[in-house]
Amino acid sequence: MTSLSRHIAIVTGAGSGIGRGIAQALAGQGATVCLVGRTGKKLEETAAAISSPSPVLYPIDLTVDAEVNQLCADIQQRFGKLDILVLCAGEIAHGSVAEAPVEAFDSLYRANVRAPFRLVQALLPMLKLRPGQIVVINSSVGLTAPASVGQFAATQHALKALTDSLRGEVNGDGIRVLSIYPGRTATPRQATLYARAGKEYRPELLLQPEDIAVMVTAALSLPRTAEVTDISIRPMLKSY
């Protein structure tokens, strides 16, 4: 297995949930982690569990191009390289096709499709130099879309298409690209969704962020003779 020590990693959505779990796991493997998210306090909470190497916090909005440009410029100036990019940030909204407001669809597209597309574009030159690795945290609805989640699922399908196409474009440069499709995971987002639906939230019956983090770090550590392209992971108990 390849060591991740002294690697530079960016993790978006690092303020909570899956992003936080992955960021802390990468730091545990010796990587210097750049924590990206909208809320500085949440990033500080993620960083509090990381002793060394010291993480770098970027409380920014990835839907704002100027802030993305500043992030990339700072990474270039501070490190001059990038080994790992984990895309975990995004938004979710439910609603039927008949009634969901188009403004919500526009917001989902900007956060879940355009923002990662723009960030990858900006960081590819540094990733090609290493060569680096890209991990995209998608969703199980990126493979199969149930009712009343069509807007969100459409953005995840689009993200899958972009990721698959990107893999074909950059494999020749030595860059590995992995898509993760988690089922329901015990995160603040999931707790909110259960509350909105008026259902009991039992996080112990769901996937844990640490489960996904283990899969990600294992795939990133594989020898360069191998590439994992897609991982679907879901809770062991299916009745909840």
C-alpha atoms as a PDB file:
ATOM      1  CA  MET A   1       0.000   0.000   0.000  1.00  0.00           C
ATOM      2  CA  THR A   2       1.157   3.530  -0.780  1.00  0.00           C
ATOM      3  CA  SER A   3       1.720   5.900   2.133  1.00  0.00           C
ATOM      4  CA  LEU A   4      -0.325   9.113   2.184  1.00  0.00           C
ATOM      5  CA  SER A   5       2.200  10.800   4.463  1.00  0.00           C
ATOM      6  CA  ARG A   6       3.169  14.296   3.320  1.00  0.00           C
ATOM      7  CA  HIS A   7       0.420  14.322   0.718  1.00  0.00           C
ATOM      8  CA  ILE A   8      -1.562  17.528   0.269  1.00  0.00           C
ATOM      9  CA  ALA A   9      -5.309  16.896   0.232  1.00  0.00           C
ATOM     10  CA  ILE A  10      -8.319  19.145  -0.298  1.00  0.00           C
ATOM     11  CA  VAL A  11     -11.620  17.952   1.156  1.00  0.00           C
ATOM     12  CA  THR A  12     -14.754  19.955   0.355  1.00  0.00           C
ATOM     13  CA  GLY A  13     -17.747  19.666   2.653  1.00  0.00           C
ATOM     14  CA  ALA A  14     -15.269  19.033   5.470  1.00  0.00           C
ATOM     15  CA  GLY A  15     -17.360  20.744   8.140  1.00  0.00           C
ATOM     16  CA  SER A  16     -19.462  17.700   9.018  1.00  0.00           C
ATOM     17  CA  GLY A  17     -20.606  14.228   8.063  1.00  0.00           C
ATOM     18  CA  ILE A  18     -18.786  12.267   5.398  1.00  0.00           C
ATOM     19  CA  GLY A  19     -16.436  15.116   4.523  1.00  0.00           C
ATOM     20  CA  ARG A  20     -15.354  15.458   8.135  1.00  0.00           C
ATOM     21  CA  GLY A  21     -14.797  11.713   8.443  1.00  0.00           C
ATOM     22  CA  ILE A  22     -12.658  11.578   5.300  1.00  0.00           C
ATOM     23  CA  ALA A  23     -10.626  14.645   6.260  1.00  0.00           C
ATOM     24  CA  GLN A  24      -9.817  13.251   9.687  1.00  0.00           C
ATOM     25  CA  ALA A  25      -8.947   9.841   8.225  1.00  0.00           C
ATOM     26  CA  LEU A  26      -6.564  11.386   5.686  1.00  0.00           C
ATOM     27  CA  ALA A  27      -4.890  13.393   8.423  1.00  0.00           C
ATOM     28  CA  GLY A  28      -4.566  10.184  10.410  1.00  0.00           C
ATOM     29  CA  GLN A  29      -2.641   8.747   7.476  1.00  0.00           C
ATOM     30  CA  GLY A  30      -0.201  11.670   7.569  1.00  0.00           C
ATOM     31  CA  ALA A  31      -1.690  13.924   4.900  1.00  0.00           C
ATOM     32  CA  THR A  32      -1.912  17.681   5.261  1.00  0.00           C
ATOM     33  CA  VAL A  33      -5.606  18.396   4.827  1.00  0.00           C
ATOM     34  CA  CYS A  34      -7.145  21.584   3.476  1.00  0.00           C
ATOM     35  CA  LEU A  35     -10.620  21.806   4.967  1.00  0.00           C
ATOM     36  CA  VAL A  36     -13.138  23.524   2.693  1.00  0.00           C
ATOM     37  CA  GLY A  37     -16.678  24.440   3.706  1.00  0.00           C
ATOM     38  CA  ARG A  38     -19.084  27.325   4.087  1.00  0.00           C
ATOM     39  CA  THR A  39     -19.037  27.542   7.878  1.00  0.00           C
ATOM     40  CA  GLY A  40     -15.796  28.377   9.641  1.00  0.00           C
ATOM     41  CA  LYS A  41     -16.976  27.116  13.037  1.00  0.00           C
ATOM     42  CA  LYS A  42     -17.745  23.679  11.647  1.00  0.00           C
ATOM     43  CA  LEU A  43     -14.326  23.513   9.993  1.00  0.00           C
ATOM     44  CA  GLU A  44     -12.756  24.400  13.334  1.00  0.00           C
ATOM     45  CA  GLU A  45     -14.628  21.501  14.939  1.00  0.00           C
ATOM     46  CA  THR A  46     -13.257  19.148  12.287  1.00  0.00           C
ATOM     47  CA  ALA A  47      -9.753  20.529  12.785  1.00  0.00           C
ATOM     48  CA  ALA A  48      -9.968  20.100  16.568  1.00  0.00           C
ATOM     49  CA  ALA A  49      -9.694  16.324  16.155  1.00  0.00           C
ATOM     50  CA  ILE A  50      -6.568  16.649  13.969  1.00  0.00           C
ATOM     51  CA  SER A  51      -3.318  17.013  15.888  1.00  0.00           C
ATOM     52  CA  SER A  52      -0.748  16.722  13.124  1.00  0.00           C
ATOM     53  CA  PRO A  53      -0.108  17.660  10.379  1.00  0.00           C
ATOM     54  CA  SER A  54      -1.884  20.943  11.065  1.00  0.00           C
ATOM     55  CA  PRO A  55      -4.878  21.384   8.733  1.00  0.00           C
ATOM     56  CA  VAL A  56      -5.548  24.561   6.749  1.00  0.00           C
ATOM     57  CA  LEU A  57      -9.074  25.976   6.905  1.00  0.00           C
ATOM     58  CA  TYR A  58     -10.868  27.563   3.956  1.00  0.00           C
ATOM     59  CA  PRO A  59     -14.339  28.840   4.923  1.00  0.00           C
ATOM     60  CA  ILE A  60     -15.574  29.634   1.414  1.00  0.00           C
ATOM     61  CA  ASP A  61     -18.611  29.217  -0.824  1.00  0.00           C
ATOM     62  CA  LEU A  62     -17.716  27.019  -3.805  1.00  0.00           C
ATOM     63  CA  THR A  63     -20.611  28.405  -5.839  1.00  0.00           C
ATOM     64  CA  VAL A  64     -18.809  31.767  -5.970  1.00  0.00           C
ATOM     65  CA  ASP A  65     -16.155  31.749  -8.697  1.00  0.00           C
ATOM     66  CA  ALA A  66     -14.023  34.447  -7.083  1.00  0.00           C
ATOM     67  CA  GLU A  67     -13.725  32.410  -3.893  1.00  0.00           C
ATOM     68  CA  VAL A  68     -12.801  29.272  -5.869  1.00  0.00           C
ATOM     69  CA  ASN A  69     -10.110  31.254  -7.683  1.00  0.00           C
ATOM     70  CA  GLN A  70      -8.724  32.520  -4.379  1.00  0.00           C
ATOM     71  CA  LEU A  71      -8.661  28.998  -2.935  1.00  0.00           C
ATOM     72  CA  CYS A  72      -6.714  27.635  -5.893  1.00  0.00           C
ATOM     73  CA  ALA A  73      -4.282  30.558  -5.858  1.00  0.00           C
ATOM     74  CA  ASP A  74      -3.616  30.060  -2.152  1.00  0.00           C
ATOM     75  CA  ILE A  75      -3.030  26.306  -2.576  1.00  0.00           C
ATOM     76  CA  GLN A  76      -0.582  27.049  -5.382  1.00  0.00           C
ATOM     77  CA  GLN A  77       1.278  29.658  -3.339  1.00  0.00           C
ATOM     78  CA  ARG A  78       1.264  27.724  -0.068  1.00  0.00           C
ATOM     79  CA  PHE A  79       2.067  24.215  -1.315  1.00  0.00           C
ATOM     80  CA  GLY A  80       2.763  24.353  -5.047  1.00  0.00           C
ATOM     81  CA  LYS A  81       1.270  20.880  -5.398  1.00  0.00           C
ATOM     82  CA  LEU A  82      -1.861  18.833  -4.827  1.00  0.00           C
ATOM     83  CA  ASP A  83      -2.050  15.069  -4.330  1.00  0.00           C
ATOM     84  CA  ILE A  84      -5.689  14.420  -3.431  1.00  0.00           C
ATOM     85  CA  LEU A  85      -8.970  16.185  -4.178  1.00  0.00           C
ATOM     86  CA  VAL A  86     -12.079  14.911  -2.395  1.00  0.00           C
ATOM     87  CA  LEU A  87     -15.368  16.433  -3.562  1.00  0.00           C
ATOM     88  CA  CYS A  88     -17.943  16.002  -0.820  1.00  0.00           C
ATOM     89  CA  ALA A  89     -19.785  19.318  -0.705  1.00  0.00           C
ATOM     90  CA  GLY A  90     -23.298  19.690  -2.048  1.00  0.00           C
ATOM     91  CA  GLU A  91     -26.926  20.467  -1.396  1.00  0.00           C
ATOM     92  CA  ILE A  92     -30.092  18.368  -1.301  1.00  0.00           C
ATOM     93  CA  ALA A  93     -33.779  19.141  -1.811  1.00  0.00           C
ATOM     94  CA  HIS A  94     -36.859  16.971  -2.161  1.00  0.00           C
ATOM     95  CA  GLY A  95     -40.000  17.605  -4.147  1.00  0.00           C
ATOM     96  CA  SER A  96     -42.081  16.217  -6.985  1.00  0.00           C
ATOM     97  CA  VAL A  97     -41.443  17.202 -10.570  1.00  0.00           C
ATOM     98  CA  ALA A  98     -44.923  18.723 -10.644  1.00  0.00           C
ATOM     99  CA  GLU A  99     -44.449  20.999  -7.646  1.00  0.00           C
ATOM    100  CA  ALA A 100     -40.747  21.559  -6.944  1.00  0.00           C
ATOM    101  CA  PRO A 101     -39.672  25.158  -7.630  1.00  0.00           C
ATOM    102  CA  VAL A 102     -37.268  25.555 -10.508  1.00  0.00           C
ATOM    103  CA  GLU A 103     -35.213  27.927  -8.331  1.00  0.00           C
ATOM    104  CA  ALA A 104     -34.393  24.978  -6.066  1.00  0.00           C
ATOM    105  CA  PHE A 105     -33.265  22.989  -9.107  1.00  0.00           C
ATOM    106  CA  ASP A 106     -31.033  25.888 -10.173  1.00  0.00           C
ATOM    107  CA  SER A 107     -29.453  26.002  -6.707  1.00  0.00           C
ATOM    108  CA  LEU A 108     -28.824  22.251  -6.701  1.00  0.00           C
ATOM    109  CA  TYR A 109     -27.222  22.412 -10.142  1.00  0.00           C
ATOM    110  CA  ARG A 110     -24.884  25.215  -9.128  1.00  0.00           C
ATOM    111  CA  ALA A 111     -23.781  23.486  -5.912  1.00  0.00           C
ATOM    112  CA  ASN A 112     -23.709  19.852  -7.046  1.00  0.00           C
ATOM    113  CA  VAL A 113     -22.609  20.052 -10.677  1.00  0.00           C
ATOM    114  CA  ARG A 114     -21.172  23.412 -11.649  1.00  0.00           C
ATOM    115  CA  ALA A 115     -19.140  23.982  -8.460  1.00  0.00           C
ATOM    116  CA  PRO A 116     -17.227  20.676  -8.583  1.00  0.00           C
ATOM    117  CA  PHE A 117     -16.751  21.062 -12.346  1.00  0.00           C
ATOM    118  CA  ARG A 118     -15.245  24.512 -11.857  1.00  0.00           C
ATOM    119  CA  LEU A 119     -13.022  23.393  -8.982  1.00  0.00           C
ATOM    120  CA  VAL A 120     -11.662  20.395 -10.871  1.00  0.00           C
ATOM    121  CA  GLN A 121     -10.900  22.598 -13.879  1.00  0.00           C
ATOM    122  CA  ALA A 122      -8.935  25.008 -11.728  1.00  0.00           C
ATOM    123  CA  LEU A 123      -6.952  22.345  -9.867  1.00  0.00           C
ATOM    124  CA  LEU A 124      -6.175  19.929 -12.711  1.00  0.00           C
ATOM    125  CA  PRO A 125      -2.801  21.523 -13.574  1.00  0.00           C
ATOM    126  CA  MET A 126      -1.505  20.830 -10.053  1.00  0.00           C
ATOM    127  CA  LEU A 127      -3.061  17.350  -9.971  1.00  0.00           C
ATOM    128  CA  LYS A 128      -1.375  16.436 -13.261  1.00  0.00           C
ATOM    129  CA  LEU A 129       2.050  17.370 -11.890  1.00  0.00           C
ATOM    130  CA  ARG A 130       2.010  14.777  -9.080  1.00  0.00           C
ATOM    131  CA  PRO A 131      -0.009  12.907 -10.582  1.00  0.00           C
ATOM    132  CA  GLY A 132      -2.835  13.160  -8.074  1.00  0.00           C
ATOM    133  CA  GLN A 133      -6.101  11.432  -7.261  1.00  0.00           C
ATOM    134  CA  ILE A 134      -9.712  12.592  -7.272  1.00  0.00           C
ATOM    135  CA  VAL A 135     -12.535  11.189  -5.139  1.00  0.00           C
ATOM    136  CA  VAL A 136     -16.137  12.181  -5.836  1.00  0.00           C
ATOM    137  CA  ILE A 137     -18.705  11.467  -3.143  1.00  0.00           C
ATOM    138  CA  ASN A 138     -21.914  10.975  -5.104  1.00  0.00           C
ATOM    139  CA  SER A 139     -25.083   9.289  -3.768  1.00  0.00           C
ATOM    140  CA  SER A 140     -26.994   6.074  -4.240  1.00  0.00           C
ATOM    141  CA  VAL A 141     -29.589   8.173  -6.088  1.00  0.00           C
ATOM    142  CA  GLY A 142     -26.860   8.954  -8.611  1.00  0.00           C
ATOM    143  CA  LEU A 143     -27.472   5.406  -9.831  1.00  0.00           C
ATOM    144  CA  THR A 144     -31.235   4.956  -9.286  1.00  0.00           C
ATOM    145  CA  ALA A 145     -33.673   7.824  -8.800  1.00  0.00           C
ATOM    146  CA  PRO A 146     -36.687   7.225  -6.527  1.00  0.00           C
ATOM    147  CA  ALA A 147     -39.811   9.367  -6.525  1.00  0.00           C
ATOM    148  CA  SER A 148     -39.805  12.897  -5.105  1.00  0.00           C
ATOM    149  CA  VAL A 149     -36.049  13.333  -5.342  1.00  0.00           C
ATOM    150  CA  GLY A 150     -35.743  13.883  -9.090  1.00  0.00           C
ATOM    151  CA  GLN A 151     -34.020  17.266  -8.918  1.00  0.00           C
ATOM    152  CA  PHE A 152     -31.307  16.075  -6.557  1.00  0.00           C
ATOM    153  CA  ALA A 153     -30.938  12.754  -8.397  1.00  0.00           C
ATOM    154  CA  ALA A 154     -30.563  14.570 -11.715  1.00  0.00           C
ATOM    155  CA  THR A 155     -27.593  16.515 -10.360  1.00  0.00           C
ATOM    156  CA  GLN A 156     -26.033  13.308  -9.042  1.00  0.00           C
ATOM    157  CA  HIS A 157     -26.525  11.590 -12.408  1.00  0.00           C
ATOM    158  CA  ALA A 158     -24.878  14.601 -14.037  1.00  0.00           C
ATOM    159  CA  LEU A 159     -22.022  14.421 -11.547  1.00  0.00           C
ATOM    160  CA  LYS A 160     -21.567  10.737 -12.398  1.00  0.00           C
ATOM    161  CA  ALA A 161     -21.392  11.576 -16.099  1.00  0.00           C
ATOM    162  CA  LEU A 162     -18.793  14.281 -15.521  1.00  0.00           C
ATOM    163  CA  THR A 163     -16.747  11.991 -13.292  1.00  0.00           C
ATOM    164  CA  ASP A 164     -16.819   9.081 -15.744  1.00  0.00           C
ATOM    165  CA  SER A 165     -15.814  11.349 -18.606  1.00  0.00           C
ATOM    166  CA  LEU A 166     -13.076  12.971 -16.539  1.00  0.00           C
ATOM    167  CA  ARG A 167     -11.623   9.566 -15.715  1.00  0.00           C
ATOM    168  CA  GLY A 168     -11.264   8.794 -19.410  1.00  0.00           C
ATOM    169  CA  GLU A 169      -9.578  12.144 -19.993  1.00  0.00           C
ATOM    170  CA  VAL A 170      -7.013  12.081 -17.170  1.00  0.00           C
ATOM    171  CA  ASN A 171      -6.132   8.410 -16.725  1.00  0.00           C
ATOM    172  CA  GLY A 172      -3.486   8.922 -19.378  1.00  0.00           C
ATOM    173  CA  ASP A 173      -1.906  11.560 -17.135  1.00  0.00           C
ATOM    174  CA  GLY A 174      -1.725   9.049 -14.289  1.00  0.00           C
ATOM    175  CA  ILE A 175      -4.625  10.543 -12.333  1.00  0.00           C
ATOM    176  CA  ARG A 176      -6.997   8.098 -10.658  1.00  0.00           C
ATOM    177  CA  VAL A 177     -10.674   9.042 -10.302  1.00  0.00           C
ATOM    178  CA  LEU A 178     -12.988   7.287  -7.848  1.00  0.00           C
ATOM    179  CA  SER A 179     -16.754   7.650  -7.424  1.00  0.00           C
ATOM    180  CA  ILE A 180     -18.373   6.652  -4.125  1.00  0.00           C
ATOM    181  CA  TYR A 181     -22.119   5.990  -3.977  1.00  0.00           C
ATOM    182  CA  PRO A 182     -23.161   5.848  -0.306  1.00  0.00           C
ATOM    183  CA  GLY A 183     -26.569   4.836   0.910  1.00  0.00           C
ATOM    184  CA  ARG A 184     -28.117   6.497   3.950  1.00  0.00           C
ATOM    185  CA  THR A 185     -25.359   7.697   6.240  1.00  0.00           C
ATOM    186  CA  ALA A 186     -25.511   9.002   9.812  1.00  0.00           C
ATOM    187  CA  THR A 187     -24.874  12.689   9.132  1.00  0.00           C
ATOM    188  CA  PRO A 188     -26.513  15.974  10.200  1.00  0.00           C
ATOM    189  CA  ARG A 189     -28.101  16.157   6.741  1.00  0.00           C
ATOM    190  CA  GLN A 190     -29.715  12.760   7.213  1.00  0.00           C
ATOM    191  CA  ALA A 191     -30.954  13.700  10.655  1.00  0.00           C
ATOM    192  CA  THR A 192     -32.639  16.762   9.156  1.00  0.00           C
ATOM    193  CA  LEU A 193     -34.268  14.696   6.415  1.00  0.00           C
ATOM    194  CA  TYR A 194     -35.697  12.242   8.948  1.00  0.00           C
ATOM    195  CA  ALA A 195     -37.028  15.106  11.044  1.00  0.00           C
ATOM    196  CA  ARG A 196     -38.737  16.689   8.041  1.00  0.00           C
ATOM    197  CA  ALA A 197     -40.367  13.370   7.211  1.00  0.00           C
ATOM    198  CA  GLY A 198     -41.528  12.946  10.824  1.00  0.00           C
ATOM    199  CA  LYS A 199     -39.602   9.687  11.185  1.00  0.00           C
ATOM    200  CA  GLU A 200     -37.540   8.376  14.078  1.00  0.00           C
ATOM    201  CA  TYR A 201     -33.836   8.906  13.439  1.00  0.00           C
ATOM    202  CA  ARG A 202     -31.681   5.960  14.492  1.00  0.00           C
ATOM    203  CA  PRO A 203     -28.144   6.703  13.298  1.00  0.00           C
ATOM    204  CA  GLU A 204     -26.775   3.430  14.651  1.00  0.00           C
ATOM    205  CA  LEU A 205     -28.684   1.600  11.913  1.00  0.00           C
ATOM    206  CA  LEU A 206     -27.135   3.653   9.114  1.00  0.00           C
ATOM    207  CA  LEU A 207     -23.737   3.818   7.478  1.00  0.00           C
ATOM    208  CA  GLN A 208     -21.208   5.781   9.504  1.00  0.00           C
ATOM    209  CA  PRO A 209     -18.977   8.466   7.969  1.00  0.00           C
ATOM    210  CA  GLU A 210     -15.999   6.471   9.224  1.00  0.00           C
ATOM    211  CA  ASP A 211     -17.104   3.497   7.095  1.00  0.00           C
ATOM    212  CA  ILE A 212     -16.827   5.586   3.956  1.00  0.00           C
ATOM    213  CA  ALA A 213     -13.568   7.156   5.108  1.00  0.00           C
ATOM    214  CA  VAL A 214     -12.016   3.690   5.457  1.00  0.00           C
ATOM    215  CA  MET A 215     -12.984   2.843   1.885  1.00  0.00           C
ATOM    216  CA  VAL A 216     -11.605   6.110   0.552  1.00  0.00           C
ATOM    217  CA  THR A 217      -8.235   5.899   2.284  1.00  0.00           C
ATOM    218  CA  ALA A 218      -7.841   2.260   1.229  1.00  0.00           C
ATOM    219  CA  ALA A 219      -8.531   3.087  -2.433  1.00  0.00           C
ATOM    220  CA  LEU A 220      -6.165   6.063  -2.365  1.00  0.00           C
ATOM    221  CA  SER A 221      -3.429   3.887  -0.876  1.00  0.00           C
ATOM    222  CA  LEU A 222      -3.555   1.205  -3.557  1.00  0.00           C
ATOM    223  CA  PRO A 223      -0.419   0.687  -5.659  1.00  0.00           C
ATOM    224  CA  ARG A 224      -0.497   2.632  -8.921  1.00  0.00           C
ATOM    225  CA  THR A 225      -0.947  -0.594 -10.862  1.00  0.00           C
ATOM    226  CA  ALA A 226      -4.629  -0.531  -9.834  1.00  0.00           C
ATOM    227  CA  GLU A 227      -7.546   1.883  -9.943  1.00  0.00           C
ATOM    228  CA  VAL A 228     -10.891   1.539  -8.190  1.00  0.00           C
ATOM    229  CA  THR A 229     -13.472   3.405 -10.262  1.00  0.00           C
ATOM    230  CA  ASP A 230     -16.810   2.936  -8.453  1.00  0.00           C
ATOM    231  CA  ILE A 231     -17.814   1.887  -4.952  1.00  0.00           C
ATOM    232  CA  SER A 232     -21.439   1.436  -3.870  1.00  0.00           C
ATOM    233  CA  ILE A 233     -21.774   1.142  -0.112  1.00  0.00           C
ATOM    234  CA  ARG A 234     -24.977   0.894   1.919  1.00  0.00           C
ATOM    235  CA  PRO A 235     -26.123   0.094   5.457  1.00  0.00           C
ATOM    236  CA  MET A 236     -25.938  -3.547   6.438  1.00  0.00           C
ATOM    237  CA  LEU A 237     -29.476  -3.416   7.857  1.00  0.00           C
ATOM    238  CA  LYS A 238     -31.929  -2.785   5.005  1.00  0.00           C
ATOM    239  CA  SER A 239     -35.218  -2.641   6.917  1.00  0.00           C
ATOM    240  CA  TYR A 240     -34.789   0.822   8.430  1.00  0.00           C
END
